[in-house]
Each structure stands twice: as structure tokens, then as C-alpha cells.
């Protein structure tokens, strides 16, 4: 997968240049979102829950700030649901910790639900119908999307091949 920087399309507002960008995305409606922290994550060791700031820039140029509380993802993916909630997914599920590596935050930045979609998330997307889609990949099987079984593994028990509802709670 080729990663495309947002710089040709949107610019992080200057007052936030002193923060570390964990991830960024453009949502289905064309708004750019950056997930920022005070400092970069350190290699190795566990990451404690931390607060993060989402800076959103809408196509008309309006800027919105949302403070997220108790984010658990070290290397996160981010997207926004149509109703203003945010989804943050940890790239890796940690076996010794809470396996619910996807967090849903309300418009005030509080976690409202969490769930698991599998290890090695490479892609996260929210569609206009309020569904969360994820693409995962591991070294032992090809990429699958939203729990769809890999083509080369007949008989493997997996989740249904449908999007994960953003309103579902575990």
C-alpha cells in the first residue's frame, strides 16, 4: 500500500506544529483529521493510556479541536463517524492486555465503546452509512477486510463478511 501525505491536500494549522502527529486521515466527507500527542511514542515497553488531540479541518477551512481521553493505541489508525464520533484503532492487538483494540469516542472525546477486529490492522475506514471497515494482514495469511475469510482458507471459522457496526458494543 502506498501512503499519501496530506500536505498537498490539507495543512495542519500552525498553532499545533509543536505536537507529534500519530496519524492523519481524510474522512468520507473530505475533512482532514490529525491525531496529535505531546511527544512521540517511545520504542518498546507498554504504552499507558494517554490523552490526544484531534485537529479537524473541514473543506471550507473551519477548524475543530476534540480532546480524546485514555487512548490506548501506540500506532493508531483514525477516522470519523458521520455523527461526529471518532474511531481509533491500534494496529496490533496485544494478547496480554485488553483485546479490544478499537475505541469509539463521542464528540466530547470520551470512550463510549471498544471491540476487537483482529490483529495487524493496516487500514481503517468509516463509510457514509456509519459502518467501520478494517483491513488486516499478517505474515501467515493474505489481507482480509472486515472479517471476511481469506480466499485460501476454506473451513476456517471467522466473523461474518460484513462491516463492523460502529454502534455495536461487545
Protein backbone atom coordinates (compact mmCIF):
# COMPACT_ATOMS: atom_id res chain seq x y z
CA UNK A 1 0.00 0.00 0.00
CA UNK A 2 1.25 3.44 -0.87
CA UNK A 3 0.83 6.03 1.87
CA UNK A 4 -0.07 9.52 0.70
CA UNK A 5 0.81 12.52 2.83
CA UNK A 6 -1.95 15.05 3.45
CA UNK A 7 0.33 18.03 2.76
CA UNK A 8 -0.79 18.58 -0.85
CA UNK A 9 -4.42 18.44 0.26
CA UNK A 10 -4.64 20.00 3.73
CA UNK A 11 -2.33 21.66 6.22
CA UNK A 12 -2.20 21.17 9.96
CA UNK A 13 -2.92 24.60 11.47
CA UNK A 14 0.29 26.31 12.62
CA UNK A 15 -0.65 26.52 16.35
CA UNK A 16 -0.39 22.71 16.50
CA UNK A 17 3.01 22.26 14.83
CA UNK A 18 4.68 21.75 18.22
CA UNK A 19 2.85 18.43 18.75
CA UNK A 20 3.70 14.96 17.45
CA UNK A 21 1.43 13.61 14.69
CA UNK A 22 0.49 9.99 15.47
CA UNK A 23 -1.68 9.59 12.37
CA UNK A 24 -3.85 11.54 9.96
CA UNK A 25 -6.73 10.83 7.61
CA UNK A 26 -9.28 12.38 5.32
CA UNK A 27 -12.81 11.22 6.11
CA UNK A 28 -15.55 10.26 3.66
CA UNK A 29 -16.83 13.86 3.67
CA UNK A 30 -13.46 15.42 2.80
CA UNK A 31 -12.43 16.71 6.23
CA UNK A 32 -8.80 16.21 7.27
CA UNK A 33 -8.08 14.93 10.80
CA UNK A 34 -4.79 14.71 12.70
CA UNK A 35 -4.31 12.75 15.93
CA UNK A 36 -1.69 14.61 17.99
CA UNK A 37 0.19 13.99 21.24
CA UNK A 38 2.66 15.99 23.29
CA UNK A 39 5.55 13.67 22.41
CA UNK A 40 6.36 10.74 20.15
CA UNK A 41 5.78 7.18 21.42
CA UNK A 42 8.92 5.50 22.70
CA UNK A 43 10.01 2.17 21.22
CA UNK A 44 9.47 -0.93 23.35
CA UNK A 45 7.53 -1.26 26.54
CA UNK A 46 3.84 -0.82 27.16
CA UNK A 47 2.01 2.37 26.36
CA UNK A 48 -0.12 3.78 29.14
CA UNK A 49 -3.46 5.36 28.21
CA UNK A 50 -2.85 8.94 27.15
CA UNK A 51 -4.82 11.99 26.10
CA UNK A 52 -4.64 13.06 22.48
CA UNK A 53 -5.92 15.98 20.45
CA UNK A 54 -7.77 15.58 17.16
CA UNK A 55 -7.45 18.62 14.91
CA UNK A 56 -10.09 18.59 12.17
CA UNK A 57 -10.01 20.89 9.15
CA UNK A 58 -13.17 20.94 7.05
CA UNK A 59 -13.30 21.65 3.29
CA UNK A 60 -14.49 25.22 3.94
CA UNK A 61 -11.47 25.86 6.20
CA UNK A 62 -13.20 25.62 9.59
CA UNK A 63 -11.05 24.06 12.32
CA UNK A 64 -12.40 21.93 15.18
CA UNK A 65 -10.48 20.52 18.17
CA UNK A 66 -11.51 17.37 20.06
CA UNK A 67 -9.60 16.17 23.11
CA UNK A 68 -9.68 12.35 23.39
CA UNK A 69 -9.20 10.80 26.84
CA UNK A 70 -7.45 7.50 27.60
CA UNK A 71 -6.32 6.50 24.11
CA UNK A 72 -4.64 3.07 24.23
CA UNK A 73 -3.21 2.74 20.71
CA UNK A 74 0.55 3.04 20.27
CA UNK A 75 0.50 3.09 16.44
CA UNK A 76 -3.10 4.19 15.77
CA UNK A 77 -5.44 4.49 12.83
CA UNK A 78 -8.09 7.23 12.96
CA UNK A 79 -11.36 8.05 11.24
CA UNK A 80 -14.52 10.00 12.00
CA UNK A 81 -18.07 8.70 12.03
CA UNK A 82 -20.77 10.81 10.31
CA UNK A 83 -22.31 11.80 13.67
CA UNK A 84 -19.06 13.35 14.94
CA UNK A 85 -17.66 10.40 16.90
CA UNK A 86 -14.07 9.27 16.35
CA UNK A 87 -12.71 5.75 15.90
CA UNK A 88 -9.14 5.00 16.99
CA UNK A 89 -7.74 1.54 16.29
CA UNK A 90 -4.44 0.11 17.50
CA UNK A 91 -2.52 -1.55 14.70
CA UNK A 92 -1.72 -4.58 16.86
CA UNK A 93 -3.83 -6.47 19.38
CA UNK A 94 -1.84 -7.30 22.49
CA UNK A 95 -2.51 -10.74 23.89
CA UNK A 96 -1.67 -9.88 27.49
CA UNK A 97 -3.86 -6.77 27.52
CA UNK A 98 -7.44 -5.92 26.71
CA UNK A 99 -8.04 -7.34 23.23
CA UNK A 100 -10.47 -4.53 22.37
CA UNK A 101 -8.05 -2.52 20.28
CA UNK A 102 -10.70 -0.37 18.55
CA UNK A 103 -12.03 2.51 20.62
CA UNK A 104 -15.04 4.70 19.75
CA UNK A 105 -15.08 8.19 21.26
CA UNK A 106 -18.09 10.51 21.46
CA UNK A 107 -17.97 14.10 20.20
CA UNK A 108 -16.72 15.18 23.66
CA UNK A 109 -13.74 12.79 23.49
CA UNK A 110 -14.97 10.14 25.95
CA UNK A 111 -14.70 6.45 25.09
CA UNK A 112 -18.18 5.01 24.56
CA UNK A 113 -17.31 1.51 23.35
CA UNK A 114 -14.46 -0.73 22.33
CA UNK A 115 -14.14 -4.00 20.43
CA UNK A 116 -11.68 -6.16 18.55
CA UNK A 117 -11.39 -6.73 14.81
CA UNK A 118 -8.24 -8.86 14.76
CA UNK A 119 -4.53 -8.33 14.80
CA UNK A 120 -2.38 -6.36 12.34
CA UNK A 121 -4.78 -3.63 11.23
CA UNK A 122 -3.40 -1.93 8.14
CA UNK A 123 -6.44 0.08 7.03
CA UNK A 124 -9.37 1.72 8.82
CA UNK A 125 -12.28 3.36 7.02
CA UNK A 126 -15.68 4.67 8.05
CA UNK A 127 -18.34 4.90 5.36
CA UNK A 128 -21.36 7.21 4.95
CA UNK A 129 -23.66 4.53 6.40
CA UNK A 130 -21.85 4.65 9.78
CA UNK A 131 -20.01 1.35 9.28
CA UNK A 132 -16.43 0.77 10.33
CA UNK A 133 -14.28 -1.22 7.90
CA UNK A 134 -10.83 -2.54 8.70
CA UNK A 135 -8.23 -4.34 6.64
CA UNK A 136 -5.88 -6.68 8.45
CA UNK A 137 -2.79 -8.50 7.34
CA UNK A 138 -0.43 -10.96 8.92
CA UNK A 139 2.52 -12.90 7.63
CA UNK A 140 0.54 -16.13 7.73
CA UNK A 141 -2.48 -15.12 5.68
CA UNK A 142 -3.37 -12.60 2.99
CA UNK A 143 -5.22 -9.40 3.73
CA UNK A 144 -8.84 -9.72 4.71
CA UNK A 145 -11.41 -6.97 5.11
CA UNK A 146 -13.91 -6.64 7.94
CA UNK A 147 -13.64 -10.27 8.99
CA UNK A 148 -14.04 -11.79 5.55
CA UNK A 149 -12.34 -15.19 5.41
CA UNK A 150 -9.14 -15.35 3.38
CA UNK A 151 -9.62 -16.96 -0.01
CA UNK A 152 -7.09 -19.72 0.70
CA UNK A 153 -8.57 -20.94 3.99
CA UNK A 154 -11.81 -22.87 3.44
CA UNK A 155 -13.37 -24.08 6.65
CA UNK A 156 -11.67 -21.51 8.87
CA UNK A 157 -14.16 -20.07 11.33
CA UNK A 158 -14.26 -16.29 11.02
CA UNK A 159 -16.55 -13.38 11.63
CA UNK A 160 -19.27 -12.65 9.05
CA UNK A 161 -18.11 -10.84 5.94
CA UNK A 162 -19.93 -7.64 6.74
CA UNK A 163 -18.84 -4.32 8.17
CA UNK A 164 -18.49 -3.94 11.89
CA UNK A 165 -21.28 -1.66 13.08
CA UNK A 166 -19.96 1.39 14.83
CA UNK A 167 -22.84 1.22 17.27
CA UNK A 168 -22.14 -2.37 18.31
CA UNK A 169 -20.87 -2.95 21.81
CA UNK A 170 -19.04 -6.10 22.77
